[in-house]
Full PDB file with SEQRES, HELIX, SHEET, SSBOND, CRYST1, ORIGX, SCALE, CONECT and MASTER records, all heavy atoms in Angstrom:
SEQRES   1 A   41  SER CYS LYS VAL GLU ALA GLU SER GLN ARG GLU GLU SER          
SEQRES   2 A   41  ALA SER THR PHE ILE THR VAL THR GLY ASN LEU GLN THR          
SEQRES   3 A   41  PRO VAL PHE THR ILE HIS PRO MET GLU VAL ILE LEU GLY          
SEQRES   4 A   41  ASP SER                                                      
SHEET    1 AA1 2 LYS A   3  ALA A   6  0                                        
SHEET    2 AA1 2 GLN A   9  GLU A  12 -1                                        
CRYST1    1.000    1.000    1.000  90.00  90.00  90.00 P 1           1          
ORIGX1      1.000000  0.000000  0.000000        0.00000                         
ORIGX2      0.000000  1.000000  0.000000        0.00000                         
ORIGX3      0.000000  0.000000  1.000000        0.00000                         
SCALE1      1.000000  0.000000  0.000000        0.00000                         
SCALE2      0.000000  1.000000  0.000000        0.00000                         
SCALE3      0.000000  0.000000  1.000000        0.00000                         
ATOM      1  N   SER A   1      46.335 -16.572  67.328  1.00  0.00           N  
ATOM      2  CA  SER A   1      47.285 -16.837  66.203  1.00  0.00           C  
ATOM      3  C   SER A   1      48.240 -15.446  66.157  1.00  0.00           C  
ATOM      4  O   SER A   1      47.811 -14.412  66.776  1.00  0.00           O  
ATOM      5  CB  SER A   1      46.716 -17.118  64.891  1.00  0.00           C  
ATOM      6  OG  SER A   1      45.886 -16.001  64.487  1.00  0.00           O  
ATOM      7  N   CYS A   2      49.283 -15.510  65.467  1.00  0.00           N  
ATOM      8  CA  CYS A   2      50.062 -14.291  65.226  1.00  0.00           C  
ATOM      9  C   CYS A   2      50.519 -14.304  63.782  1.00  0.00           C  
ATOM     10  O   CYS A   2      50.606 -15.282  63.101  1.00  0.00           O  
ATOM     11  CB  CYS A   2      51.229 -14.270  66.206  1.00  0.00           C  
ATOM     12  SG  CYS A   2      52.499 -15.520  65.986  1.00  0.00           S  
ATOM     13  N   LYS A   3      50.906 -13.100  63.377  1.00  0.00           N  
ATOM     14  CA  LYS A   3      51.370 -12.841  61.977  1.00  0.00           C  
ATOM     15  C   LYS A   3      52.495 -12.092  62.091  1.00  0.00           C  
ATOM     16  O   LYS A   3      52.718 -11.134  62.975  1.00  0.00           O  
ATOM     17  CB  LYS A   3      50.221 -12.128  61.202  1.00  0.00           C  
ATOM     18  CG  LYS A   3      50.716 -11.792  59.679  1.00  0.00           C  
ATOM     19  CD  LYS A   3      49.841 -10.859  58.963  1.00  0.00           C  
ATOM     20  CE  LYS A   3      48.424 -11.376  58.849  1.00  0.00           C  
ATOM     21  NZ  LYS A   3      47.566 -10.412  58.061  1.00  0.00           N  
ATOM     22  N   VAL A   4      53.601 -12.449  61.302  1.00  0.00           N  
ATOM     23  CA  VAL A   4      54.872 -11.658  61.246  1.00  0.00           C  
ATOM     24  C   VAL A   4      55.133 -11.078  59.790  1.00  0.00           C  
ATOM     25  O   VAL A   4      54.828 -11.579  58.895  1.00  0.00           O  
ATOM     26  CB  VAL A   4      55.983 -12.712  61.434  1.00  0.00           C  
ATOM     27  CG1 VAL A   4      57.349 -11.968  61.264  1.00  0.00           C  
ATOM     28  CG2 VAL A   4      55.986 -13.121  62.922  1.00  0.00           C  
ATOM     29  N   GLU A   5      55.492  -9.804  59.842  1.00  0.00           N  
ATOM     30  CA  GLU A   5      55.763  -8.913  58.629  1.00  0.00           C  
ATOM     31  C   GLU A   5      57.223  -8.379  58.731  1.00  0.00           C  
ATOM     32  O   GLU A   5      57.601  -7.798  59.700  1.00  0.00           O  
ATOM     33  CB  GLU A   5      54.752  -7.940  58.488  1.00  0.00           C  
ATOM     34  CG  GLU A   5      53.360  -8.314  58.295  1.00  0.00           C  
ATOM     35  CD  GLU A   5      52.327  -7.205  58.134  1.00  0.00           C  
ATOM     36  OE1 GLU A   5      52.736  -6.014  58.270  1.00  0.00           O  
ATOM     37  OE2 GLU A   5      51.225  -7.404  57.929  1.00  0.00           O  
ATOM     38  N   ALA A   6      57.996  -8.742  57.681  1.00  0.00           N  
ATOM     39  CA  ALA A   6      59.334  -8.227  57.602  1.00  0.00           C  
ATOM     40  C   ALA A   6      59.528  -7.764  56.148  1.00  0.00           C  
ATOM     41  O   ALA A   6      59.531  -8.670  55.264  1.00  0.00           O  
ATOM     42  CB  ALA A   6      60.344  -9.326  58.034  1.00  0.00           C  
ATOM     43  N   GLU A   7      59.995  -6.652  56.004  1.00  0.00           N  
ATOM     44  CA  GLU A   7      60.294  -6.078  54.687  1.00  0.00           C  
ATOM     45  C   GLU A   7      58.870  -6.277  53.947  1.00  0.00           C  
ATOM     46  O   GLU A   7      57.853  -5.849  54.316  1.00  0.00           O  
ATOM     47  CB  GLU A   7      61.350  -6.622  53.900  1.00  0.00           C  
ATOM     48  CG  GLU A   7      62.661  -6.559  54.613  1.00  0.00           C  
ATOM     49  CD  GLU A   7      63.308  -5.217  54.677  1.00  0.00           C  
ATOM     50  OE1 GLU A   7      62.858  -4.353  53.756  1.00  0.00           O  
ATOM     51  OE2 GLU A   7      64.134  -4.902  55.444  1.00  0.00           O  
ATOM     52  N   SER A   8      58.857  -7.066  52.721  1.00  0.00           N  
ATOM     53  CA  SER A   8      57.664  -7.283  52.017  1.00  0.00           C  
ATOM     54  C   SER A   8      57.199  -8.642  52.261  1.00  0.00           C  
ATOM     55  O   SER A   8      56.179  -9.134  51.605  1.00  0.00           O  
ATOM     56  CB  SER A   8      57.817  -7.088  50.487  1.00  0.00           C  
ATOM     57  OG  SER A   8      58.784  -7.957  50.123  1.00  0.00           O  
ATOM     58  N   GLN A   9      57.723  -9.470  53.159  1.00  0.00           N  
ATOM     59  CA  GLN A   9      57.478 -10.919  53.351  1.00  0.00           C  
ATOM     60  C   GLN A   9      56.399 -10.991  54.678  1.00  0.00           C  
ATOM     61  O   GLN A   9      56.449 -10.192  55.606  1.00  0.00           O  
ATOM     62  CB  GLN A   9      58.688 -11.660  53.761  1.00  0.00           C  
ATOM     63  CG  GLN A   9      59.773 -11.545  52.774  1.00  0.00           C  
ATOM     64  CD  GLN A   9      59.256 -12.181  51.364  1.00  0.00           C  
ATOM     65  OE1 GLN A   9      58.797 -13.256  51.391  1.00  0.00           O  
ATOM     66  NE2 GLN A   9      59.250 -11.346  50.358  1.00  0.00           N  
ATOM     67  N   ARG A  10      55.450 -11.780  54.490  1.00  0.00           N  
ATOM     68  CA  ARG A  10      54.522 -12.085  55.572  1.00  0.00           C  
ATOM     69  C   ARG A  10      54.311 -13.554  55.751  1.00  0.00           C  
ATOM     70  O   ARG A  10      54.311 -14.344  54.851  1.00  0.00           O  
ATOM     71  CB  ARG A  10      53.150 -11.436  55.115  1.00  0.00           C  
ATOM     72  CG  ARG A  10      53.121  -9.919  55.147  1.00  0.00           C  
ATOM     73  CD  ARG A  10      51.762  -9.432  54.688  1.00  0.00           C  
ATOM     74  NE  ARG A  10      51.802  -7.866  54.695  1.00  0.00           N  
ATOM     75  CZ  ARG A  10      52.188  -7.201  53.707  1.00  0.00           C  
ATOM     76  NH1 ARG A  10      52.649  -7.792  52.528  1.00  0.00           N  
ATOM     77  NH2 ARG A  10      52.133  -5.871  53.730  1.00  0.00           N  
ATOM     78  N   GLU A  11      54.016 -13.992  56.976  1.00  0.00           N  
ATOM     79  CA  GLU A  11      53.807 -15.356  57.429  1.00  0.00           C  
ATOM     80  C   GLU A  11      53.035 -15.452  58.605  1.00  0.00           C  
ATOM     81  O   GLU A  11      53.111 -14.554  59.609  1.00  0.00           O  
ATOM     82  CB  GLU A  11      55.085 -16.132  57.556  1.00  0.00           C  
ATOM     83  CG  GLU A  11      55.021 -17.637  57.518  1.00  0.00           C  
ATOM     84  CD  GLU A  11      54.499 -18.143  56.208  1.00  0.00           C  
ATOM     85  OE1 GLU A  11      55.031 -17.730  55.244  1.00  0.00           O  
ATOM     86  OE2 GLU A  11      53.678 -19.059  56.201  1.00  0.00           O  
ATOM     87  N   GLU A  12      51.991 -16.472  58.722  1.00  0.00           N  
ATOM     88  CA  GLU A  12      51.204 -16.582  59.858  1.00  0.00           C  
ATOM     89  C   GLU A  12      51.480 -17.922  60.524  1.00  0.00           C  
ATOM     90  O   GLU A  12      51.925 -18.852  59.962  1.00  0.00           O  
ATOM     91  CB  GLU A  12      49.733 -16.573  59.437  1.00  0.00           C  
ATOM     92  CG  GLU A  12      49.302 -15.227  58.855  1.00  0.00           C  
ATOM     93  CD  GLU A  12      47.795 -15.280  58.370  1.00  0.00           C  
ATOM     94  OE1 GLU A  12      47.191 -16.389  58.674  1.00  0.00           O  
ATOM     95  OE2 GLU A  12      47.342 -14.383  57.682  1.00  0.00           O  
ATOM     96  N   SER A  13      51.140 -17.905  61.882  1.00  0.00           N  
ATOM     97  CA  SER A  13      51.277 -19.118  62.571  1.00  0.00           C  
ATOM     98  C   SER A  13      49.938 -19.859  62.494  1.00  0.00           C  
ATOM     99  O   SER A  13      49.031 -19.393  61.967  1.00  0.00           O  
ATOM    100  CB  SER A  13      51.564 -18.746  64.151  1.00  0.00           C  
ATOM    101  OG  SER A  13      50.320 -18.266  64.760  1.00  0.00           O  
ATOM    102  N   ALA A  14      50.065 -21.128  62.967  1.00  0.00           N  
ATOM    103  CA  ALA A  14      48.797 -21.784  63.043  1.00  0.00           C  
ATOM    104  C   ALA A  14      48.023 -21.397  64.236  1.00  0.00           C  
ATOM    105  O   ALA A  14      48.586 -20.715  65.124  1.00  0.00           O  
ATOM    106  CB  ALA A  14      49.141 -23.356  63.292  1.00  0.00           C  
ATOM    107  N   SER A  15      46.740 -21.638  64.209  1.00  0.00           N  
ATOM    108  CA  SER A  15      45.794 -21.186  65.260  1.00  0.00           C  
ATOM    109  C   SER A  15      46.061 -22.173  66.437  1.00  0.00           C  
ATOM    110  O   SER A  15      46.099 -23.337  66.326  1.00  0.00           O  
ATOM    111  CB  SER A  15      44.239 -21.099  64.907  1.00  0.00           C  
ATOM    112  OG  SER A  15      44.131 -20.096  63.805  1.00  0.00           O  
ATOM    113  N   THR A  16      45.935 -21.582  67.701  1.00  0.00           N  
ATOM    114  CA  THR A  16      45.936 -22.337  68.885  1.00  0.00           C  
ATOM    115  C   THR A  16      44.837 -22.098  69.839  1.00  0.00           C  
ATOM    116  O   THR A  16      44.566 -20.886  70.073  1.00  0.00           O  
ATOM    117  CB  THR A  16      47.312 -22.006  69.724  1.00  0.00           C  
ATOM    118  OG1 THR A  16      48.382 -22.214  68.902  1.00  0.00           O  
ATOM    119  CG2 THR A  16      47.436 -22.768  71.024  1.00  0.00           C  
ATOM    120  N   PHE A  17      44.240 -23.114  70.354  1.00  0.00           N  
ATOM    121  CA  PHE A  17      42.944 -22.913  71.181  1.00  0.00           C  
ATOM    122  C   PHE A  17      43.398 -22.840  72.537  1.00  0.00           C  
ATOM    123  O   PHE A  17      44.081 -23.735  73.197  1.00  0.00           O  
ATOM    124  CB  PHE A  17      41.892 -23.948  70.894  1.00  0.00           C  
ATOM    125  CG  PHE A  17      40.468 -23.613  71.547  1.00  0.00           C  
ATOM    126  CD1 PHE A  17      39.651 -22.951  70.773  1.00  0.00           C  
ATOM    127  CD2 PHE A  17      40.216 -24.128  72.788  1.00  0.00           C  
ATOM    128  CE1 PHE A  17      38.389 -22.520  71.335  1.00  0.00           C  
ATOM    129  CE2 PHE A  17      39.082 -23.780  73.418  1.00  0.00           C  
ATOM    130  CZ  PHE A  17      38.144 -22.939  72.527  1.00  0.00           C  
ATOM    131  N   ILE A  18      42.933 -21.881  73.337  1.00  0.00           N  
ATOM    132  CA  ILE A  18      43.159 -21.753  74.805  1.00  0.00           C  
ATOM    133  C   ILE A  18      41.780 -21.811  75.599  1.00  0.00           C  
ATOM    134  O   ILE A  18      40.860 -21.140  75.127  1.00  0.00           O  
ATOM    135  CB  ILE A  18      43.945 -20.400  75.041  1.00  0.00           C  
ATOM    136  CG1 ILE A  18      45.290 -20.499  74.458  1.00  0.00           C  
ATOM    137  CG2 ILE A  18      44.064 -20.305  76.500  1.00  0.00           C  
ATOM    138  CD1 ILE A  18      46.035 -19.087  74.583  1.00  0.00           C  
ATOM    139  N   THR A  19      41.826 -22.507  76.572  1.00  0.00           N  
ATOM    140  CA  THR A  19      40.542 -22.765  77.395  1.00  0.00           C  
ATOM    141  C   THR A  19      40.852 -22.155  78.748  1.00  0.00           C  
ATOM    142  O   THR A  19      41.812 -22.600  79.435  1.00  0.00           O  
ATOM    143  CB  THR A  19      40.143 -24.187  77.545  1.00  0.00           C  
ATOM    144  OG1 THR A  19      39.860 -24.720  76.132  1.00  0.00           O  
ATOM    145  CG2 THR A  19      38.924 -24.296  78.285  1.00  0.00           C  
ATOM    146  N   VAL A  20      39.929 -21.226  79.186  1.00  0.00           N  
ATOM    147  CA  VAL A  20      40.008 -20.731  80.476  1.00  0.00           C  
ATOM    148  C   VAL A  20      38.773 -21.032  81.264  1.00  0.00           C  
ATOM    149  O   VAL A  20      37.619 -20.901  80.861  1.00  0.00           O  
ATOM    150  CB  VAL A  20      40.135 -19.149  80.507  1.00  0.00           C  
ATOM    151  CG1 VAL A  20      40.149 -18.584  81.929  1.00  0.00           C  
ATOM    152  CG2 VAL A  20      41.344 -18.692  79.711  1.00  0.00           C  
ATOM    153  N   THR A  21      38.964 -21.916  82.464  1.00  0.00           N  
ATOM    154  CA  THR A  21      37.905 -22.330  83.177  1.00  0.00           C  
ATOM    155  C   THR A  21      37.278 -21.331  84.123  1.00  0.00           C  
ATOM    156  O   THR A  21      37.931 -20.295  84.523  1.00  0.00           O  
ATOM    157  CB  THR A  21      38.215 -23.667  83.929  1.00  0.00           C  
ATOM    158  OG1 THR A  21      39.277 -23.176  84.972  1.00  0.00           O  
ATOM    159  CG2 THR A  21      38.835 -24.772  83.057  1.00  0.00           C  
ATOM    160  N   GLY A  22      35.889 -21.463  84.445  1.00  0.00           N  
ATOM    161  CA  GLY A  22      35.452 -20.626  85.326  1.00  0.00           C  
ATOM    162  C   GLY A  22      33.968 -20.102  84.792  1.00  0.00           C  
ATOM    163  O   GLY A  22      33.523 -20.669  83.742  1.00  0.00           O  
ATOM    164  N   ASN A  23      33.396 -19.259  85.612  1.00  0.00           N  
ATOM    165  CA  ASN A  23      32.018 -18.793  85.196  1.00  0.00           C  
ATOM    166  C   ASN A  23      31.996 -17.404  84.631  1.00  0.00           C  
ATOM    167  O   ASN A  23      32.795 -16.506  85.171  1.00  0.00           O  
ATOM    168  CB  ASN A  23      31.107 -18.846  86.490  1.00  0.00           C  
ATOM    169  CG  ASN A  23      30.877 -20.280  86.964  1.00  0.00           C  
ATOM    170  OD1 ASN A  23      30.675 -21.222  86.199  1.00  0.00           O  
ATOM    171  ND2 ASN A  23      30.974 -20.375  88.313  1.00  0.00           N  
ATOM    172  N   LEU A  24      31.172 -17.184  83.530  1.00  0.00           N  
ATOM    173  CA  LEU A  24      31.094 -15.841  82.977  1.00  0.00           C  
ATOM    174  C   LEU A  24      30.428 -14.897  83.925  1.00  0.00           C  
ATOM    175  O   LEU A  24      29.525 -15.284  84.732  1.00  0.00           O  
ATOM    176  CB  LEU A  24      30.261 -15.864  81.746  1.00  0.00           C  
ATOM    177  CG  LEU A  24      30.860 -16.700  80.568  1.00  0.00           C  
ATOM    178  CD1 LEU A  24      29.920 -16.785  79.444  1.00  0.00           C  
ATOM    179  CD2 LEU A  24      32.199 -15.984  80.054  1.00  0.00           C  
ATOM    180  N   GLN A  25      30.733 -13.638  83.954  1.00  0.00           N  
ATOM    181  CA  GLN A  25      30.171 -12.741  84.854  1.00  0.00           C  
ATOM    182  C   GLN A  25      28.769 -12.425  84.407  1.00  0.00           C  
ATOM    183  O   GLN A  25      28.442 -12.317  83.162  1.00  0.00           O  
ATOM    184  CB  GLN A  25      31.040 -11.346  84.895  1.00  0.00           C  
ATOM    185  CG  GLN A  25      32.237 -11.453  85.714  1.00  0.00           C  
ATOM    186  CD  GLN A  25      32.847 -10.176  85.881  1.00  0.00           C  
ATOM    187  OE1 GLN A  25      32.296  -9.078  85.505  1.00  0.00           O  
ATOM    188  NE2 GLN A  25      34.006 -10.078  86.631  1.00  0.00           N  
ATOM    189  N   THR A  26      27.802 -12.144  85.261  1.00  0.00           N  
ATOM    190  CA  THR A  26      26.492 -11.805  84.941  1.00  0.00           C  
ATOM    191  C   THR A  26      26.411 -10.356  84.316  1.00  0.00           C  
ATOM    192  O   THR A  26      26.883  -9.442  84.914  1.00  0.00           O  
ATOM    193  CB  THR A  26      25.591 -11.749  86.182  1.00  0.00           C  
ATOM    194  OG1 THR A  26      25.625 -13.154  86.738  1.00  0.00           O  
ATOM    195  CG2 THR A  26      24.053 -11.490  85.826  1.00  0.00           C  
ATOM    196  N   PRO A  27      25.825 -10.235  83.101  1.00  0.00           N  
ATOM    197  CA  PRO A  27      25.698  -8.935  82.586  1.00  0.00           C  
ATOM    198  C   PRO A  27      24.801  -8.056  83.182  1.00  0.00           C  
ATOM    199  O   PRO A  27      23.960  -8.435  84.069  1.00  0.00           O  
ATOM    200  CB  PRO A  27      25.181  -9.267  81.070  1.00  0.00           C  
ATOM    201  CG  PRO A  27      24.480 -10.482  81.269  1.00  0.00           C  
ATOM    202  CD  PRO A  27      25.175 -11.283  82.415  1.00  0.00           C  
ATOM    203  N   VAL A  28      24.853  -6.711  82.822  1.00  0.00           N  
ATOM    204  CA  VAL A  28      24.050  -5.634  83.455  1.00  0.00           C  
ATOM    205  C   VAL A  28      22.997  -5.224  82.440  1.00  0.00           C  
ATOM    206  O   VAL A  28      23.385  -4.977  81.215  1.00  0.00           O  
ATOM    207  CB  VAL A  28      24.792  -4.515  83.818  1.00  0.00           C  
ATOM    208  CG1 VAL A  28      23.878  -3.405  84.268  1.00  0.00           C  
ATOM    209  CG2 VAL A  28      25.849  -4.689  85.062  1.00  0.00           C  
ATOM    210  N   PHE A  29      21.707  -5.325  82.751  1.00  0.00           N  
ATOM    211  CA  PHE A  29      20.629  -4.993  81.764  1.00  0.00           C  
ATOM    212  C   PHE A  29      19.879  -3.779  82.270  1.00  0.00           C  
ATOM    213  O   PHE A  29      19.522  -3.616  83.416  1.00  0.00           O  
ATOM    214  CB  PHE A  29      19.583  -6.195  81.680  1.00  0.00           C  
ATOM    215  CG  PHE A  29      18.453  -6.036  80.702  1.00  0.00           C  
ATOM    216  CD1 PHE A  29      18.699  -6.001  79.394  1.00  0.00           C  
ATOM    217  CD2 PHE A  29      17.274  -5.724  81.179  1.00  0.00           C  
ATOM    218  CE1 PHE A  29      17.629  -5.895  78.462  1.00  0.00           C  
ATOM    219  CE2 PHE A  29      16.237  -5.430  80.412  1.00  0.00           C  
ATOM    220  CZ  PHE A  29      16.343  -5.704  79.048  1.00  0.00           C  
ATOM    221  N   THR A  30      19.630  -2.926  81.192  1.00  0.00           N  
ATOM    222  CA  THR A  30      18.898  -1.705  81.535  1.00  0.00           C  
ATOM    223  C   THR A  30      17.935  -1.460  80.392  1.00  0.00           C  
ATOM    224  O   THR A  30      18.079  -1.858  79.251  1.00  0.00           O  
ATOM    225  CB  THR A  30      19.807  -0.486  81.617  1.00  0.00           C  
ATOM    226  OG1 THR A  30      20.594  -0.393  80.366  1.00  0.00           O  
ATOM    227  CG2 THR A  30      20.672  -0.574  82.789  1.00  0.00           C  
ATOM    228  N   ILE A  31      16.838  -0.624  80.620  1.00  0.00           N  
ATOM    229  CA  ILE A  31      15.901  -0.084  79.701  1.00  0.00           C  
ATOM    230  C   ILE A  31      15.849   1.458  79.749  1.00  0.00           C  
ATOM    231  O   ILE A  31      15.758   1.919  80.793  1.00  0.00           O  
ATOM    232  CB  ILE A  31      14.462  -0.675  79.959  1.00  0.00           C  
ATOM    233  CG1 ILE A  31      14.475  -2.326  79.922  1.00  0.00           C  
ATOM    234  CG2 ILE A  31      13.400  -0.268  78.905  1.00  0.00           C  
ATOM    235  CD1 ILE A  31      13.190  -2.885  80.276  1.00  0.00           C  
ATOM    236  N   HIS A  32      15.939   2.024  78.603  1.00  0.00           N  
ATOM    237  CA  HIS A  32      15.893   3.467  78.587  1.00  0.00           C  
ATOM    238  C   HIS A  32      14.974   3.929  77.362  1.00  0.00           C  
ATOM    239  O   HIS A  32      15.332   3.601  76.193  1.00  0.00           O  
ATOM    240  CB  HIS A  32      17.161   4.029  78.401  1.00  0.00           C  
ATOM    241  CG  HIS A  32      17.310   5.529  78.453  1.00  0.00           C  
ATOM    242  ND1 HIS A  32      17.057   6.316  79.658  1.00  0.00           N  
ATOM    243  CD2 HIS A  32      17.404   6.415  77.519  1.00  0.00           C  
ATOM    244  CE1 HIS A  32      17.131   7.589  79.359  1.00  0.00           C  
ATOM    245  NE2 HIS A  32      17.357   7.728  78.134  1.00  0.00           N  
ATOM    246  N   PRO A  33      13.908   4.807  77.572  1.00  0.00           N  
ATOM    247  CA  PRO A  33      13.437   5.043  78.974  1.00  0.00           C  
ATOM    248  C   PRO A  33      12.548   3.835  79.568  1.00  0.00           C  
ATOM    249  O   PRO A  33      12.142   2.932  78.809  1.00  0.00           O  
ATOM    250  CB  PRO A  33      12.559   6.155  78.650  1.00  0.00           C  
ATOM    251  CG  PRO A  33      12.085   5.935  77.266  1.00  0.00           C  
ATOM    252  CD  PRO A  33      13.204   5.395  76.592  1.00  0.00           C  
ATOM    253  N   MET A  34      12.497   3.801  80.899  1.00  0.00           N  
ATOM    254  CA  MET A  34      11.729   2.590  81.507  1.00  0.00           C  
ATOM    255  C   MET A  34      10.298   2.907  81.423  1.00  0.00           C  
ATOM    256  O   MET A  34       9.471   2.063  81.463  1.00  0.00           O  
ATOM    257  CB  MET A  34      12.178   2.453  83.019  1.00  0.00           C  
ATOM    258  CG  MET A  34      13.610   1.909  83.058  1.00  0.00           C  
ATOM    259  SD  MET A  34      14.059   1.695  84.875  1.00  0.00           S  
ATOM    260  CE  MET A  34      12.763   0.434  85.239  1.00  0.00           C  
ATOM    261  N   GLU A  35       9.893   4.226  81.382  1.00  0.00           N  
ATOM    262  CA  GLU A  35       8.491   4.541  81.253  1.00  0.00           C  
ATOM    263  C   GLU A  35       8.180   4.997  79.876  1.00  0.00           C  
ATOM    264  O   GLU A  35       8.792   5.938  79.365  1.00  0.00           O  
ATOM    265  CB  GLU A  35       8.057   5.658  82.140  1.00  0.00           C  
ATOM    266  CG  GLU A  35       8.080   5.193  83.652  1.00  0.00           C  
ATOM    267  CD  GLU A  35       7.590   6.310  84.551  1.00  0.00           C  
ATOM    268  OE1 GLU A  35       7.305   7.336  84.146  1.00  0.00           O  
ATOM    269  OE2 GLU A  35       7.574   5.983  85.772  1.00  0.00           O  
ATOM    270  N   VAL A  36       7.343   4.270  79.153  1.00  0.00           N  
ATOM    271  CA  VAL A  36       7.263   4.597  77.678  1.00  0.00           C  
ATOM    272  C   VAL A  36       5.620   4.498  77.359  1.00  0.00           C  
ATOM    273  O   VAL A  36       4.864   3.906  77.980  1.00  0.00           O  
ATOM    274  CB  VAL A  36       7.853   3.565  76.884  1.00  0.00           C  
ATOM    275  CG1 VAL A  36       7.363   2.138  77.097  1.00  0.00           C  
ATOM    276  CG2 VAL A  36       7.846   3.720  75.415  1.00  0.00           C  
ATOM    277  N   ILE A  37       5.360   5.375  76.375  1.00  0.00           N  
ATOM    278  CA  ILE A  37       3.936   5.556  75.942  1.00  0.00           C  
ATOM    279  C   ILE A  37       3.655   4.368  75.025  1.00  0.00           C  
ATOM    280  O   ILE A  37       4.447   4.193  74.007  1.00  0.00           O  
ATOM    281  CB  ILE A  37       3.582   6.898  75.291  1.00  0.00           C  
ATOM    282  CG1 ILE A  37       3.913   8.057  76.372  1.00  0.00           C  
ATOM    283  CG2 ILE A  37       2.169   7.070  74.817  1.00  0.00           C  
ATOM    284  CD1 ILE A  37       4.072   9.437  75.816  1.00  0.00           C  
ATOM    285  N   LEU A  38       2.493   3.765  75.123  1.00  0.00           N  
ATOM    286  CA  LEU A  38       2.070   2.730  74.182  1.00  0.00           C  
ATOM    287  C   LEU A  38       2.029   3.351  72.751  1.00  0.00           C  
ATOM    288  O   LEU A  38       1.517   4.428  72.503  1.00  0.00           O  
ATOM    289  CB  LEU A  38       0.615   2.326  74.544  1.00  0.00           C  
ATOM    290  CG  LEU A  38       0.089   1.052  73.840  1.00  0.00           C  
ATOM    291  CD1 LEU A  38       0.865  -0.198  74.267  1.00  0.00           C  
ATOM    292  CD2 LEU A  38      -1.353   0.887  74.155  1.00  0.00           C  
ATOM    293  N   GLY A  39       2.894   2.658  71.831  1.00  0.00           N  
ATOM    294  CA  GLY A  39       2.969   3.073  70.457  1.00  0.00           C  
ATOM    295  C   GLY A  39       4.349   3.698  70.084  1.00  0.00           C  
ATOM    296  O   GLY A  39       4.739   3.820  68.959  1.00  0.00           O  
ATOM    297  N   ASP A  40       5.119   4.214  71.255  1.00  0.00           N  
ATOM    298  CA  ASP A  40       6.489   4.580  71.122  1.00  0.00           C  
ATOM    299  C   ASP A  40       7.442   3.393  71.173  1.00  0.00           C  
ATOM    300  O   ASP A  40       7.127   2.249  71.341  1.00  0.00           O  
ATOM    301  CB  ASP A  40       6.777   5.561  72.185  1.00  0.00           C  
ATOM    302  CG  ASP A  40       6.262   6.985  71.902  1.00  0.00           C  
ATOM    303  OD1 ASP A  40       5.708   7.083  70.709  1.00  0.00           O  
ATOM    304  OD2 ASP A  40       6.221   7.841  72.762  1.00  0.00           O  
ATOM    305  N   SER A  41       8.682   3.765  71.229  1.00  0.00           N  
ATOM    306  CA  SER A  41       9.821   2.785  71.173  1.00  0.00           C  
ATOM    307  C   SER A  41      10.605   3.002  72.458  1.00  0.00           C  
ATOM    308  O   SER A  41      10.807   4.181  72.972  1.00  0.00           O  
ATOM    309  CB  SER A  41      10.699   2.832  69.959  1.00  0.00           C  
ATOM    310  OG  SER A  41       9.913   2.392  68.846  1.00  0.00           O  
TER     311      SER A  41                                                      
MASTER        0    0    0    0    2    0    0    6  310    1    0    4          
END                                                                             
């Protein structure tokens, strides 16, 4: 959506839905630290 402001006047557009086809990229996962003592975080 978009909003317009002029002087003290404001007005918004209606919301428009856009669809983009395709596959999401695979995320990157890490653990820090990878070596941890039992009882720690």
